[in-house]
Amino acid sequence: RAVTLVQARVAGIVEHLDVRAPLTAVKQGQALLTLLAPDWTAAQEEYLSLRRSHTQGLDELRAAARQRLSLLGMSEGQIHSVEQSGRAQTRITLAAPRDGVVGELAVREGASVMAGAPLLRINGLDTVWINAAIPEAQAGRVVSASSVNAQVPAFPGERFAGKIESLLPDIDMATRTQTARIVLNNPGHRLAPGMFAQLEIDGSKDQANGVLVPTDAVIATGTRNVIIVDDGSGHFRAQEVRTGDESGGKTQILEGIKEGETAVLSGQFLIDSEASLTGTLARLQGGTEQHDSTGAPAEPHGDQATSAHELHLAQGTITRIDGDQWTIATDAIASLDMGAMTMTFVCPQRVPAANIRPGQRVSFSFFRNAGGDFEIDKITVLAPASATPAPAKAGGGKP
């Protein structure tokens, strides 16, 4: 973040380099290079000659000669050294003005340089910049000067404190993120440019709202976020929530649940498809079922099963039968806008299917039942295709 340029104050030749490679760590006052400066020799000899002269009225000339050395780029310490030694110094040793690392080394030994030419760039590491990619949807909640805690993989468990300096007015069109520039303290210079960091930003606009829950308690369906909540009477309900920030295994819930409610954490669902999720949530919501005299759920009969449901037609090959669970490799189902896939269907006892076996190709109709599962309504075995082409063409298509 802190960058210092080391420049040549006078034209000369690089006689020796004490720092020979970029990214070398240096300390304040450490020698960087030695510069041979012939242009200084004549000015120093003139000043020394005036100092040795005892002629009256030369005070103004001596002051002017000394001022000339300053204008040529000599520091007060270098001028004082010439006065003490009484000899001209044709070589200049340039020292590091601060602690840091050499970010750029622009010269080599033997190179001629002009006055003002940049020789090295030193990057201070007392503080570093982090460019944080903030999702566009969350950028509006980030506040300048907010406190930040950063963690890096190189030092697990340690936190580095910092603050947001600014939110840059630019959006990355590929990732749809906005860059937040963060100034981070770097004790011991342990953080190195290029490291990745995980950030926790305090003081966002939604910071005071909502509650925190374990991230594992949130079920993301792709269209909404749901938490299974214990209502306190031995029943559960599926509660849709609006999530906020997520960090350290915790997710902020902005709307949907209140502090003190109990959410299901263990025993989470293994989601195979949107259908199975819909069925599970429907049952948890307390969907009503009809029961027979034994208390078991009553099976619908005949057309009663489909009167309130939309039927879909499909063809496929039976791959497995496990009780009422039938696995079928189906062709594309146009009414559901689904491609060919292998799916599991419920085949109730009311459906006559005693002679159907795995491996047979079938045509069937099905619907989504009250539990959210796909249930077979009717099913027939397709006859093997004839080896002789039919004489007529279906649908009036071209040959």
Foldseek 3Di string as FASTA:
>chain_A
DDKDWDFALAWFFFAFAPDDDFFAWFAFFAWGTKTFHPVQQVLLVVLLVLVPDPDPPCPVVNVVSLVVNVNSPDDPVRNVVCVVVSHGDRMDTDGHRHTATWHDADDDHGDIDHRGDTGTMGDHQQKDKDWDWAALVCVQQADFQWKKWKDFPVDPPDTWIWTFHDWDPDADPVRNTTITIIITGQPPSPDDPPTDIDMDTPDTPCRVAADKDFPQQWDDPPVFIWWWWDPPPPAIAIWTFDWDDDDDRIIGTRDTDDPPTDTDRPPDDDDPDPLQVVLVNLVSNVPDFDADPVRHGDDDADCRQPPPWDKWKWKFFWADDDPQKTWTQTAATVVVRGHTGIDIEGEDPNEPDPPDDGGFIKIFMWTQGSSSGIYTDYMDTDDPDDPDDDPDDPPPDDD
